[in-house]
């Protein structure tokens, strides 16, 4: 079945349908934003009969694709609740600009090149428009709401076309009358006493310019109402490259608005509450909808199973775009509180895992299944044994680096398998089964772009790392107050001076969480030098400093002797042990090839200011 038609429609027929409300906007369309210069260019294109691109409309009337609608900006339907026949998917800016400048008979509220709001009437300089050597773009211009052009800060009037008589005199034709030119023409004839020269002048203008407007044909593509929401969303994203990107949240907002539910207002309030938790600062509305869709489809499957439905007929658990678009409002309302609490509980669980900020999350995407799992488990998740299972699954996802691509299929498996594994004896979830960590990966973890890099950073803090200078344990309080970040142990400058390859000194094995002040004191000196400096300046005795170093899984002997590679081998093994403990899985210790040297060097320790640390 054909899902669209394409045809050509007279511009004025289209604009008249906009005027009476037969063509309206779906609520997900954002506001009209074109500026004065772009409107002039659009009018010039039509005056020259140049193409301005196709318009895409959607037939209204599909019960499964029901959006709240609104009239095009400046259209006055006088309070009548008129049901549209078509909705504008692509071409809103062009249609609105043309409607306001041609049909509305009001000054157009637009913006100048500085973004300031201005009120403009649009005119055609008839003499310039008929100049064989000129360009009609130079003939189309705008004037202020008083129809005056002034100089010297408004003190000198350059052009006054504030009355029809002044328009006739200066031969300036109002664009707002190109569709109703007969009365203006008669006034023009009368003003010039019907002299043949002026009559011929008008006839030439009408033939060459007015007719281009009145006969202008616009390509129109009409999507039939049989199209699905997913198809509408995808088409909109493909064709509407000049506007605001449409996501499933915008489309679902328009759908729910038809039932008088303001999803955008709901999300704005919820976001303010969720953003109190630093781990959730990057949570967006699509993540939230994915989690709700995940739990909704999960419970549908569980209910079907309980009623005796055969496995092959059970509904799928899924949170892909098409599933979100088909999420009924009643399902959203049913689970929104559970999921919002699930995200809050996820933030608290991450705090216990020493992941304190959104930028420190190994995988932001893993929040989606985590919040859904916690929402299903509710108070069960407070049980120590349950929490250990959840964290085993979490760390396997992190160190197995399993959430780096398209994850919707994994989300569905996670909620089914993790909840079943927790509540019943049985096989471990696929995410745990598939997770593995290769020892050689430690040599390649050099920046915080890697999930495993961030995971090791969190494990070191969780396992009791103490700051080199003040001896305090790094926790959520000191993390923020002391500006904790991850820094080199053997300083980069010393490593470069001693020909240590960047692949070794810049990897996670040579990094640890330290305060901003500590990193500044360490500077670029050798470990033996900066350790003695710390003892002298802060009255640290040997045993206390050794304890601090051991808390970072560092053997003090290797630092006092400046033995980078003994330090490296020892610490690599200690980090591997911590990863094993988190994943609760054995890591093979096979000898691995040394990675070829990378040009990527972490500059995080170079000349950081306190503002740099605060703004991270």
Protein backbone atom coordinates (compact mmCIF):
# COMPACT_ATOMS: atom_id res chain seq x y z
CA UNK A 1 0.00 0.00 0.00
CA UNK A 2 1.29 3.46 -0.92
CA UNK A 3 1.93 5.39 2.28
CA UNK A 4 2.33 8.80 0.65
CA UNK A 5 1.16 10.91 -2.28
CA UNK A 6 3.06 13.64 -4.06
CA UNK A 7 1.50 16.45 -6.03
CA UNK A 8 1.73 20.18 -6.72
CA UNK A 9 -0.54 22.69 -5.01
CA UNK A 10 -1.00 26.40 -5.64
CA UNK A 11 0.71 28.36 -2.90
CA UNK A 12 -2.41 30.40 -2.19
CA UNK A 13 -4.62 27.34 -1.85
CA UNK A 14 -2.19 25.98 0.72
CA UNK A 15 -2.03 29.24 2.65
CA UNK A 16 -5.83 29.61 2.67
CA UNK A 17 -6.13 26.11 4.17
CA UNK A 18 -3.67 27.23 6.84
CA UNK A 19 -5.80 30.32 7.46
CA UNK A 20 -9.04 28.39 8.07
CA UNK A 21 -7.33 25.66 10.14
CA UNK A 22 -7.50 22.80 7.66
CA UNK A 23 -3.69 22.63 7.88
CA UNK A 24 -2.19 22.90 11.35
CA UNK A 25 0.93 21.92 13.28
CA UNK A 26 1.46 18.84 15.46
CA UNK A 27 2.37 19.92 18.97
CA UNK A 28 5.89 18.52 18.76
CA UNK A 29 6.83 21.17 16.20
CA UNK A 30 8.82 23.96 17.81
CA UNK A 31 8.13 27.65 17.34
CA UNK A 32 8.65 29.75 14.25
CA UNK A 33 12.18 31.21 14.22
CA UNK A 34 13.00 32.69 10.79
CA UNK A 35 14.62 36.12 10.71
CA UNK A 36 13.95 39.13 8.49
CA UNK A 37 16.73 38.36 6.02
CA UNK A 38 15.55 34.79 5.40
CA UNK A 39 11.96 35.95 4.84
CA UNK A 40 13.12 38.46 2.22
CA UNK A 41 15.10 35.71 0.49
CA UNK A 42 12.09 33.37 0.49
CA UNK A 43 9.85 36.04 -1.07
CA UNK A 44 12.49 36.78 -3.71
CA UNK A 45 12.66 33.10 -4.66
CA UNK A 46 8.90 32.99 -5.24
CA UNK A 47 8.97 36.28 -7.17
CA UNK A 48 11.53 34.68 -9.51
CA UNK A 49 9.59 31.38 -9.64
CA UNK A 50 12.55 29.58 -8.08
CA UNK A 51 11.87 26.34 -6.15
CA UNK A 52 11.79 26.66 -2.37
CA UNK A 53 11.63 22.93 -1.62
CA UNK A 54 8.82 20.51 -1.01
CA UNK A 55 6.36 20.68 1.85
CA UNK A 56 5.53 17.50 3.73
CA UNK A 57 2.12 17.02 5.33
CA UNK A 58 0.56 14.19 7.32
CA UNK A 59 -3.08 13.23 6.95
CA UNK A 60 -4.94 13.62 10.24
CA UNK A 61 -7.46 11.09 11.52
CA UNK A 62 -5.34 8.07 12.45
CA UNK A 63 -6.46 6.98 15.93
CA UNK A 64 -3.05 5.35 16.51
CA UNK A 65 -1.15 8.52 15.58
CA UNK A 66 -3.18 11.10 17.49
CA UNK A 67 -1.36 14.34 18.27
CA UNK A 68 -2.39 17.49 19.98
CA UNK A 69 -2.42 20.18 17.30
CA UNK A 70 -2.17 23.95 17.09
CA UNK A 71 -2.66 26.57 14.42
CA UNK A 72 0.27 28.02 12.52
CA UNK A 73 1.63 31.09 14.28
CA UNK A 74 -0.50 34.22 13.68
CA UNK A 75 -3.49 32.21 12.47
CA UNK A 76 -6.60 33.26 14.38
CA UNK A 77 -9.28 30.59 14.54
CA UNK A 78 -11.42 32.74 16.88
CA UNK A 79 -11.62 30.10 19.57
CA UNK A 80 -13.09 27.51 17.24
CA UNK A 81 -11.87 24.02 17.93
CA UNK A 82 -11.31 23.13 14.30
CA UNK A 83 -9.99 19.66 13.58
CA UNK A 84 -7.28 19.82 10.93
CA UNK A 85 -7.25 17.67 7.84
CA UNK A 86 -3.46 17.74 7.51
CA UNK A 87 -0.48 18.41 9.76
CA UNK A 88 2.78 20.06 8.73
CA UNK A 89 5.78 17.75 9.15
CA UNK A 90 8.31 19.64 7.07
CA UNK A 91 8.09 23.23 5.87
CA UNK A 92 6.80 24.96 8.99
CA UNK A 93 9.26 27.84 8.74
CA UNK A 94 8.50 28.49 5.06
CA UNK A 95 4.73 28.18 5.41
CA UNK A 96 4.62 30.39 8.51
CA UNK A 97 6.84 33.02 6.89
CA UNK A 98 4.67 33.11 3.77
CA UNK A 99 1.43 33.15 5.71
CA UNK A 100 2.51 36.00 7.93
CA UNK A 101 3.98 38.14 5.14
CA UNK A 102 1.26 37.52 2.53
CA UNK A 103 -2.03 36.50 4.17
CA UNK A 104 -2.15 37.80 7.75
CA UNK A 105 -2.36 41.54 6.87
CA UNK A 106 -0.35 42.30 9.99
CA UNK A 107 3.26 43.33 10.53
CA UNK A 108 5.42 40.21 10.82
CA UNK A 109 7.05 39.71 14.21
CA UNK A 110 10.52 38.44 13.37
CA UNK A 111 14.15 39.10 14.34
CA UNK A 112 17.06 41.09 12.98
CA UNK A 113 20.64 39.92 12.48
CA UNK A 114 21.35 40.53 16.18
CA UNK A 115 18.46 38.34 17.26
CA UNK A 116 16.38 41.28 18.46
CA UNK A 117 12.62 41.16 17.96
CA UNK A 118 11.38 43.50 15.22
CA UNK A 119 8.04 44.16 13.44
CA UNK A 120 8.22 44.25 9.68
CA UNK A 121 6.08 44.87 6.59
CA UNK A 122 7.42 43.51 3.32
CA UNK A 123 7.43 45.49 0.05
CA UNK A 124 8.51 45.16 -3.56
CA UNK A 125 10.22 48.13 -5.18
CA UNK A 126 8.34 47.98 -8.50
CA UNK A 127 10.93 49.94 -10.46
CA UNK A 128 13.82 47.76 -9.32
CA UNK A 129 11.77 44.58 -9.83
CA UNK A 130 11.24 45.48 -13.52
CA UNK A 131 14.83 46.56 -14.12
CA UNK A 132 16.21 44.19 -16.75
CA UNK A 133 19.75 44.66 -15.40
CA UNK A 134 18.82 44.35 -11.74
CA UNK A 135 18.11 41.48 -9.36
CA UNK A 136 14.72 41.15 -7.80
CA UNK A 137 16.37 40.27 -4.50
CA UNK A 138 17.40 43.92 -4.33
CA UNK A 139 13.79 44.93 -4.95
CA UNK A 140 12.30 43.12 -1.95
CA UNK A 141 12.76 44.86 1.37
CA UNK A 142 11.12 45.34 4.76
CA UNK A 143 10.09 48.40 6.73
CA UNK A 144 9.15 48.91 10.36
CA UNK A 145 5.64 48.71 11.76
CA UNK A 146 5.12 52.40 10.94
CA UNK A 147 6.10 51.78 7.31
CA UNK A 148 8.95 54.28 7.52
CA UNK A 149 12.64 54.06 6.67
CA UNK A 150 14.68 56.59 8.63
CA UNK A 151 18.26 57.65 9.13
CA UNK A 152 20.16 59.56 11.80
CA UNK A 153 18.57 57.57 14.61
CA UNK A 154 15.04 58.20 13.33
CA UNK A 155 15.40 61.95 12.90
CA UNK A 156 15.31 61.92 9.08
CA UNK A 157 12.67 60.05 7.05
CA UNK A 158 14.14 58.49 3.92
CA UNK A 159 11.00 56.70 2.76
CA UNK A 160 7.41 57.05 3.94
CA UNK A 161 4.90 54.51 2.61
CA UNK A 162 2.50 54.67 5.54
CA UNK A 163 -0.58 55.31 3.34
CA UNK A 164 -1.79 53.76 0.08
CA UNK A 165 -1.25 57.10 -1.64
CA UNK A 166 2.41 57.12 -0.59
CA UNK A 167 2.74 53.51 -1.79
CA UNK A 168 1.35 54.55 -5.20
CA UNK A 169 3.58 57.61 -5.36
CA UNK A 170 6.79 55.73 -4.52
CA UNK A 171 5.73 52.66 -6.51
CA UNK A 172 6.23 50.33 -3.55
CA UNK A 173 3.97 47.32 -3.66
CA UNK A 174 2.92 45.65 -0.35
CA UNK A 175 3.58 41.92 -0.35
CA UNK A 176 0.58 41.43 1.92
CA UNK A 177 -1.65 42.29 -1.04
CA UNK A 178 -0.18 40.10 -3.79
CA UNK A 179 -3.20 37.82 -3.34
CA UNK A 180 -5.68 40.74 -3.41
CA UNK A 181 -4.16 43.13 -5.88
CA UNK A 182 -7.29 44.36 -7.74
CA UNK A 183 -8.20 47.10 -5.25
CA UNK A 184 -4.60 48.30 -5.00
CA UNK A 185 -4.35 48.34 -8.80
CA UNK A 186 -7.44 50.52 -9.12
CA UNK A 187 -6.04 52.90 -6.51
CA UNK A 188 -2.73 53.01 -8.38
CA UNK A 189 -4.51 53.84 -11.68
CA UNK A 190 -6.57 56.56 -10.02
CA UNK A 191 -3.58 58.12 -8.25
CA UNK A 192 -1.76 58.43 -11.59
CA UNK A 193 -4.87 59.69 -13.39
CA UNK A 194 -5.02 56.58 -15.54
CA UNK A 195 -2.18 57.79 -17.73
CA UNK A 196 -1.19 55.04 -20.21
CA UNK A 197 2.43 54.99 -19.14
CA UNK A 198 1.51 54.04 -15.57
CA UNK A 199 -1.13 51.57 -16.75
CA UNK A 200 1.47 49.81 -18.90
CA UNK A 201 3.90 49.93 -15.98
CA UNK A 202 1.38 48.15 -13.76
CA UNK A 203 0.51 45.59 -16.46
CA UNK A 204 4.19 44.73 -16.82
CA UNK A 205 4.59 44.39 -13.04
CA UNK A 206 1.51 42.20 -12.76
CA UNK A 207 2.65 39.95 -15.57
CA UNK A 208 6.24 39.53 -14.44
CA UNK A 209 5.95 39.65 -10.64
CA UNK A 210 2.39 39.34 -9.31
CA UNK A 211 1.59 36.36 -11.49
CA UNK A 212 4.67 34.56 -10.20
CA UNK A 213 3.14 34.72 -6.72
CA UNK A 214 -0.46 33.92 -7.67
CA UNK A 215 0.49 31.04 -9.99
CA UNK A 216 3.27 29.63 -7.84
CA UNK A 217 3.03 25.84 -7.48
CA UNK A 218 4.47 24.16 -4.43
CA UNK A 219 5.54 20.48 -4.39
CA UNK A 220 3.63 18.75 -1.59
CA UNK A 221 4.18 15.27 -0.20
CA UNK A 222 1.31 13.94 1.89
CA UNK A 223 1.94 11.02 4.23
CA UNK A 224 -1.19 8.96 4.54
CA UNK A 225 -2.79 8.48 7.91
CA UNK A 226 -2.01 4.75 7.82
CA UNK A 227 1.63 5.51 8.71
CA UNK A 228 2.83 4.44 12.17
CA UNK A 229 4.23 6.79 14.81
CA UNK A 230 7.68 5.28 14.26
CA UNK A 231 7.46 6.05 10.53
CA UNK A 232 6.34 9.62 11.22
CA UNK A 233 9.20 10.10 13.69
CA UNK A 234 11.78 8.69 11.29
CA UNK A 235 10.53 10.71 8.33
CA UNK A 236 10.52 13.90 10.41
CA UNK A 237 14.11 13.32 11.53
CA UNK A 238 15.28 12.69 7.96
CA UNK A 239 13.62 15.66 6.28
CA UNK A 240 13.60 18.29 9.01
CA UNK A 241 17.35 18.88 9.03
CA UNK A 242 16.96 22.63 9.37
CA UNK A 243 14.80 22.55 12.48
CA UNK A 244 15.04 21.16 15.98
CA UNK A 245 15.79 17.45 16.05
CA UNK A 246 12.74 15.40 16.94
CA UNK A 247 13.17 12.54 19.37
CA UNK A 248 10.68 10.07 20.77
CA UNK A 249 10.06 12.32 23.76
CA UNK A 250 8.81 15.14 21.53
CA UNK A 251 6.55 12.81 19.59
CA UNK A 252 5.19 11.13 22.71
CA UNK A 253 4.62 14.57 24.25
CA UNK A 254 2.38 15.48 21.32
CA UNK A 255 0.56 12.15 21.60
CA UNK A 256 -0.11 12.47 25.33
CA UNK A 257 -1.16 16.10 24.87
CA UNK A 258 -4.17 14.89 22.92
CA UNK A 259 -5.30 13.37 26.25
CA UNK A 260 -4.50 16.65 28.06
CA UNK A 261 -1.37 15.26 29.70
CA UNK A 262 1.64 17.59 29.58
CA UNK A 263 4.65 15.26 29.41
CA UNK A 264 7.09 18.12 28.99
CA UNK A 265 5.89 19.84 32.16
CA UNK A 266 6.10 16.52 34.02
CA UNK A 267 9.67 15.94 32.85
CA UNK A 268 10.80 19.48 33.73
CA UNK A 269 9.66 19.00 37.33
CA UNK A 270 11.07 15.47 37.61
CA UNK A 271 14.41 16.50 36.11
CA UNK A 272 14.84 19.17 38.76
CA UNK A 273 14.37 16.50 41.44
CA UNK A 274 16.60 13.88 39.80
CA UNK A 275 19.39 16.36 39.05
CA UNK A 276 19.93 16.82 42.77
CA UNK A 277 21.92 13.59 42.48
CA UNK A 278 25.23 14.32 40.70
CA UNK A 279 25.24 10.91 39.01
CA UNK A 280 21.99 11.78 37.19
CA UNK A 281 23.04 15.20 35.84
CA UNK A 282 23.17 13.89 32.27
CA UNK A 283 19.98 11.87 32.40
CA UNK A 284 17.74 12.82 29.50
CA UNK A 285 14.07 12.28 28.85
CA UNK A 286 14.67 9.45 26.37
CA UNK A 287 16.61 7.47 28.99
CA UNK A 288 13.68 7.86 31.34
CA UNK A 289 11.17 6.73 28.71
CA UNK A 290 13.34 3.74 27.87
CA UNK A 291 13.30 2.62 31.49
CA UNK A 292 9.52 2.99 31.75
CA UNK A 293 9.01 1.09 28.49
CA UNK A 294 11.38 -1.61 29.73
CA UNK A 295 9.45 -2.19 32.96
CA UNK A 296 6.08 -1.91 31.18
CA UNK A 297 6.93 -4.59 28.63
CA UNK A 298 8.56 -6.69 31.37
CA UNK A 299 5.36 -6.80 33.43
CA UNK A 300 3.28 -7.54 30.34
CA UNK A 301 5.44 -10.58 29.70
CA UNK A 302 5.32 -11.71 33.34
CA UNK A 303 1.53 -11.34 33.39
CA UNK A 304 1.16 -13.32 30.17
CA UNK A 305 3.35 -16.09 31.56
CA UNK A 306 1.28 -16.24 34.75
CA UNK A 307 -1.88 -16.71 32.69
CA UNK A 308 -0.36 -19.78 31.06
CA UNK A 309 0.68 -18.27 27.73
CA UNK A 310 3.19 -20.46 25.85
CA UNK A 311 6.76 -19.20 25.62
CA UNK A 312 6.61 -18.57 21.89
CA UNK A 313 3.50 -16.39 22.32
CA UNK A 314 4.81 -14.29 25.21
CA UNK A 315 5.12 -10.57 24.42
CA UNK A 316 8.67 -9.35 23.99
CA UNK A 317 10.47 -7.23 26.55
CA UNK A 318 11.84 -4.26 24.64
CA UNK A 319 12.53 -0.53 24.80
CA UNK A 320 13.37 0.28 21.22
CA UNK A 321 12.04 3.42 19.65
CA UNK A 322 8.92 1.79 18.25
CA UNK A 323 8.10 0.40 21.70
CA UNK A 324 8.49 3.81 23.35
CA UNK A 325 6.27 5.41 20.72
CA UNK A 326 3.60 2.81 21.46
CA UNK A 327 3.77 3.30 25.24
CA UNK A 328 0.18 4.06 26.33
CA UNK A 329 -0.35 7.00 28.64
CA UNK A 330 -1.88 4.75 31.30
CA UNK A 331 1.28 2.60 31.30
CA UNK A 332 3.46 5.68 31.65
CA UNK A 333 1.39 6.89 34.61
CA UNK A 334 1.42 3.41 36.16
CA UNK A 335 5.22 3.12 36.27
CA UNK A 336 6.64 6.65 36.31
CA UNK A 337 6.92 6.80 40.10
CA UNK A 338 8.60 3.41 40.34
CA UNK A 339 11.11 4.32 37.65
CA UNK A 340 11.87 7.78 39.06
CA UNK A 341 12.56 6.11 42.42
CA UNK A 342 14.59 3.50 40.56
CA UNK A 343 16.90 6.21 39.23
CA UNK A 344 17.21 7.74 42.70
CA UNK A 345 18.07 4.32 44.15
CA UNK A 346 20.57 3.80 41.34
CA UNK A 347 22.30 7.07 42.27
CA UNK A 348 22.49 5.96 45.92
CA UNK A 349 23.89 2.57 44.91
CA UNK A 350 26.50 4.25 42.75
CA UNK A 351 27.48 6.48 45.65
CA UNK A 352 28.17 3.33 47.69
CA UNK A 353 30.33 2.17 44.77
CA UNK A 354 32.28 5.47 44.94
CA UNK A 355 30.93 6.75 41.64
CA UNK A 356 30.00 10.28 42.60
CA UNK A 357 29.40 12.25 39.39
CA UNK A 358 27.81 11.78 35.98
CA UNK A 359 31.23 12.18 34.33
CA UNK A 360 32.56 9.31 36.46
CA UNK A 361 29.90 6.85 35.34
CA UNK A 362 31.59 4.10 33.33
CA UNK A 363 28.51 3.68 31.12
CA UNK A 364 25.69 6.18 31.32
CA UNK A 365 23.57 3.78 29.29
CA UNK A 366 23.76 1.17 32.05
CA UNK A 367 21.56 3.41 34.17
CA UNK A 368 18.56 2.40 32.05
CA UNK A 369 18.47 -1.31 33.00
CA UNK A 370 19.81 -0.58 36.50
CA UNK A 371 16.93 1.77 37.32
CA UNK A 372 14.39 -0.66 35.86
CA UNK A 373 15.83 -3.60 37.83
CA UNK A 374 15.76 -1.58 41.05
CA UNK A 375 12.19 -0.47 40.31
CA UNK A 376 11.08 -4.11 39.93
CA UNK A 377 12.93 -5.28 43.05
CA UNK A 378 11.81 -2.38 45.25
CA UNK A 379 12.77 -2.98 48.88
CA UNK A 380 14.35 -6.32 47.99
CA UNK A 381 17.33 -4.40 46.65
CA UNK A 382 18.20 -3.33 50.21
CA UNK A 383 19.08 -6.93 51.10
CA UNK A 384 22.89 -7.31 51.28
CA UNK A 385 22.95 -10.52 49.27
CA UNK A 386 20.72 -8.98 46.59
CA UNK A 387 22.86 -5.85 46.47
CA UNK A 388 25.98 -7.97 45.98
CA UNK A 389 24.37 -9.71 43.02
CA UNK A 390 23.34 -6.40 41.48
CA UNK A 391 26.86 -5.04 41.82
CA UNK A 392 28.36 -8.20 40.38
CA UNK A 393 26.17 -7.72 37.31
CA UNK A 394 27.06 -4.01 37.23
CA UNK A 395 30.82 -4.49 37.40
CA UNK A 396 30.74 -7.30 34.84
CA UNK A 397 29.05 -4.90 32.47
CA UNK A 398 31.71 -2.27 33.18
CA UNK A 399 34.86 -4.38 32.98
CA UNK A 400 33.45 -6.60 30.27
CA UNK A 401 32.84 -3.30 28.39
CA UNK A 402 29.47 -4.55 27.21
CA UNK A 403 27.45 -1.31 26.99
CA UNK A 404 29.38 0.60 24.35
CA UNK A 405 27.02 0.17 21.37
CA UNK A 406 23.32 -0.34 20.68
CA UNK A 407 22.11 -1.79 23.96
CA UNK A 408 18.34 -2.22 23.75
CA UNK A 409 18.56 -6.01 23.33
CA UNK A 410 20.91 -6.28 26.29
CA UNK A 411 18.59 -4.11 28.42
CA UNK A 412 15.75 -6.55 27.79
CA UNK A 413 17.89 -9.55 28.73
CA UNK A 414 19.19 -7.73 31.80
CA UNK A 415 15.83 -7.03 33.39
CA UNK A 416 14.56 -10.55 32.69
CA UNK A 417 17.70 -12.44 33.66
CA UNK A 418 18.97 -10.33 36.57
CA UNK A 419 15.59 -10.25 38.35
CA UNK A 420 15.10 -14.00 37.79
CA UNK A 421 18.64 -14.75 38.96
CA UNK A 422 18.10 -12.74 42.14
CA UNK A 423 14.70 -14.19 42.95
CA UNK A 424 15.40 -17.76 41.89
CA UNK A 425 18.31 -20.12 41.76
CA UNK A 426 19.52 -20.55 38.23
CA UNK A 427 22.00 -19.51 35.59
CA UNK A 428 23.76 -16.18 35.87
CA UNK A 429 22.67 -13.43 33.47
CA UNK A 430 24.25 -13.29 30.05
CA UNK A 431 25.96 -10.01 30.91
CA UNK A 432 27.86 -11.80 33.70
CA UNK A 433 28.51 -14.90 31.62
CA UNK A 434 29.90 -12.93 28.66
CA UNK A 435 32.04 -10.54 30.70
CA UNK A 436 35.77 -11.01 30.56
CA UNK A 437 38.78 -8.84 31.19
CA UNK A 438 42.09 -9.23 29.38
CA UNK A 439 45.18 -8.33 31.36
CA UNK A 440 46.63 -6.47 28.37
CA UNK A 441 43.67 -4.07 28.53
CA UNK A 442 45.29 -2.30 31.48
CA UNK A 443 48.05 -1.02 29.22
CA UNK A 444 45.53 0.63 26.91
CA UNK A 445 43.34 2.34 29.53
CA UNK A 446 44.75 5.87 29.28
CA UNK A 447 41.85 8.33 29.39
CA UNK A 448 38.45 8.66 31.00
CA UNK A 449 36.80 7.83 27.69
CA UNK A 450 37.01 4.19 28.75
CA UNK A 451 34.43 2.58 31.03
CA UNK A 452 37.00 0.26 32.60
CA UNK A 453 39.29 3.23 33.33
CA UNK A 454 36.53 4.91 35.32
CA UNK A 455 35.65 1.61 36.99
CA UNK A 456 39.19 1.11 38.32
CA UNK A 457 39.22 4.71 39.54
CA UNK A 458 36.08 3.99 41.58
CA UNK A 459 37.42 0.68 42.94
CA UNK A 460 40.60 2.32 44.21
CA UNK A 461 38.57 4.89 46.14
CA UNK A 462 36.13 2.29 47.44
CA UNK A 463 38.94 0.09 48.70
CA UNK A 464 40.15 2.83 51.05
CA UNK A 465 42.60 5.07 49.18
CA UNK A 466 44.04 7.78 51.47
CA UNK A 467 45.28 11.12 50.24
CA UNK A 468 49.09 11.33 50.10
CA UNK A 469 49.19 14.67 51.94
CA UNK A 470 46.45 14.76 54.56
CA UNK A 471 46.01 11.02 55.04
CA UNK A 472 42.20 11.34 54.82
CA UNK A 473 40.18 8.57 53.26
CA UNK A 474 38.64 9.63 49.97
CA UNK A 475 34.88 9.60 50.37
CA UNK A 476 31.99 11.61 48.95
CA UNK A 477 32.81 14.55 51.24
CA UNK A 478 36.54 14.79 50.52
CA UNK A 479 35.96 13.92 46.86
CA UNK A 480 34.22 17.25 46.29
CA UNK A 481 35.87 19.42 48.95
CA UNK A 482 39.45 18.40 48.05
CA UNK A 483 38.84 18.26 44.29
CA UNK A 484 39.83 14.64 43.91
CA UNK A 485 40.83 13.55 40.42
CA UNK A 486 42.97 10.84 38.87
CA UNK A 487 46.67 11.70 38.52
CA UNK A 488 50.01 10.13 37.67
CA UNK A 489 52.03 8.43 40.42
CA UNK A 490 55.33 8.50 38.54
CA UNK A 491 55.00 12.05 37.16
CA UNK A 492 54.80 12.48 33.44
CA UNK A 493 57.74 14.86 33.28
CA UNK A 494 59.97 12.44 35.16
CA UNK A 495 58.84 9.57 32.91
CA UNK A 496 59.62 11.53 29.75
CA UNK A 497 63.05 12.49 31.14
CA UNK A 498 63.74 8.82 31.90
CA UNK A 499 62.52 7.44 28.55
CA UNK A 500 59.48 5.64 29.92
CA UNK A 501 57.07 5.12 26.97
CA UNK A 502 53.73 6.91 27.10
CA UNK A 503 51.94 3.57 26.67
CA UNK A 504 53.22 2.68 30.14
CA UNK A 505 53.31 5.88 32.16
CA UNK A 506 49.97 7.16 30.81
CA UNK A 507 47.92 4.03 31.47
CA UNK A 508 45.71 3.42 34.50
CA UNK A 509 48.39 1.39 36.29
CA UNK A 510 50.38 4.59 36.87
CA UNK A 511 47.38 6.63 37.99
CA UNK A 512 45.50 7.01 41.24
CA UNK A 513 42.94 9.32 42.86
CA UNK A 514 44.61 12.32 44.53
CA UNK A 515 43.59 15.78 45.66
CA UNK A 516 44.34 18.86 43.60
CA UNK A 517 46.76 20.11 46.27
CA UNK A 518 48.60 16.80 46.45
CA UNK A 519 49.08 16.69 42.71
CA UNK A 520 50.53 20.20 42.76
CA UNK A 521 53.02 19.26 45.49
CA UNK A 522 54.09 16.14 43.60
CA UNK A 523 54.78 18.22 40.49
CA UNK A 524 57.18 16.56 38.05
CA UNK A 525 59.75 15.24 40.51
CA UNK A 526 60.84 11.65 41.02
CA UNK A 527 58.78 9.63 43.51
CA UNK A 528 61.70 9.35 45.93
CA UNK A 529 62.10 13.12 45.95
CA UNK A 530 58.44 14.04 46.39
CA UNK A 531 57.95 11.41 49.12
CA UNK A 532 60.80 12.87 51.15
CA UNK A 533 59.38 16.32 50.51
CA UNK A 534 55.98 15.20 51.81
CA UNK A 535 57.58 13.81 54.98
CA UNK A 536 59.57 16.99 55.59
CA UNK A 537 56.84 19.46 54.88
CA UNK A 538 53.99 17.68 56.64
CA UNK A 539 55.74 15.75 59.37
CA UNK A 540 54.65 12.38 57.97
CA UNK A 541 56.65 9.57 59.47
CA UNK A 542 57.70 6.58 57.38
CA UNK A 543 55.09 4.06 58.60
CA UNK A 544 52.20 6.50 58.06
CA UNK A 545 53.31 7.30 54.52
CA UNK A 546 53.80 3.59 53.80
CA UNK A 547 50.25 2.94 54.98
CA UNK A 548 48.96 5.66 52.67
CA UNK A 549 50.85 4.19 49.71
CA UNK A 550 49.59 0.68 50.45
CA UNK A 551 46.03 2.07 50.41
CA UNK A 552 46.68 2.87 46.75
CA UNK A 553 48.04 -0.66 46.18
CA UNK A 554 51.57 0.73 45.80
CA UNK A 555 54.67 -0.93 47.27
CA UNK A 556 56.62 1.98 48.87
CA UNK A 557 59.98 0.33 48.09
CA UNK A 558 59.37 0.77 44.36
CA UNK A 559 58.72 4.50 44.75
CA UNK A 560 61.68 5.17 47.04
CA UNK A 561 63.94 3.38 44.54
CA UNK A 562 62.28 5.06 41.53
CA UNK A 563 61.86 1.61 39.98
CA UNK A 564 59.04 2.19 37.52
CA UNK A 565 58.74 -1.31 36.10
CA UNK A 566 58.84 -3.14 39.44
CA UNK A 567 56.17 -0.70 40.59
CA UNK A 568 54.22 -1.30 37.39
CA UNK A 569 54.18 -5.12 37.62
CA UNK A 570 53.26 -5.13 41.29
CA UNK A 571 50.45 -2.58 40.94
CA UNK A 572 49.06 -4.15 37.81
CA UNK A 573 48.58 -7.42 39.71
CA UNK A 574 46.93 -5.61 42.61
CA UNK A 575 44.51 -3.81 40.28
CA UNK A 576 43.66 -7.10 38.57
CA UNK A 577 42.84 -8.59 41.96
CA UNK A 578 40.41 -5.77 42.66
CA UNK A 579 38.74 -6.22 39.29
CA UNK A 580 38.40 -9.93 40.03
CA UNK A 581 36.85 -9.12 43.38
CA UNK A 582 34.33 -6.74 41.79
CA UNK A 583 33.39 -9.11 38.96
CA UNK A 584 33.72 -12.19 41.16
CA UNK A 585 35.39 -13.86 38.20
CA UNK A 586 38.95 -15.12 37.66
CA UNK A 587 41.12 -13.23 35.17
CA UNK A 588 43.63 -15.26 33.18
CA UNK A 589 47.23 -14.24 33.80
CA UNK A 590 48.68 -15.25 30.44
CA UNK A 591 51.75 -13.39 29.25
CA UNK A 592 50.68 -10.74 26.76
CA UNK A 593 52.40 -8.82 24.02
CA UNK A 594 53.30 -5.24 24.85
CA UNK A 595 51.03 -2.87 23.01
CA UNK A 596 52.68 -0.67 20.35
CA UNK A 597 53.28 2.82 21.67
CA UNK A 598 50.39 5.24 21.22
CA UNK A 599 50.74 8.94 20.59
CA UNK A 600 47.83 9.54 22.95
CA UNK A 601 49.09 11.22 26.13
CA UNK A 602 46.85 12.17 29.01
CA UNK A 603 47.43 15.86 29.76
CA UNK A 604 45.16 15.91 32.78
CA UNK A 605 48.02 16.82 35.14
CA UNK A 606 49.38 19.69 33.05
CA UNK A 607 48.88 23.16 34.49
CA UNK A 608 45.41 22.55 35.90
CA UNK A 609 43.82 25.41 37.75
CA UNK A 610 41.36 24.98 40.56
CA UNK A 611 38.64 26.19 38.13
CA UNK A 612 39.55 23.36 35.75
CA UNK A 613 38.97 20.81 38.48
CA UNK A 614 35.71 22.40 39.66
CA UNK A 615 34.30 22.54 36.14
CA UNK A 616 35.03 18.91 35.27
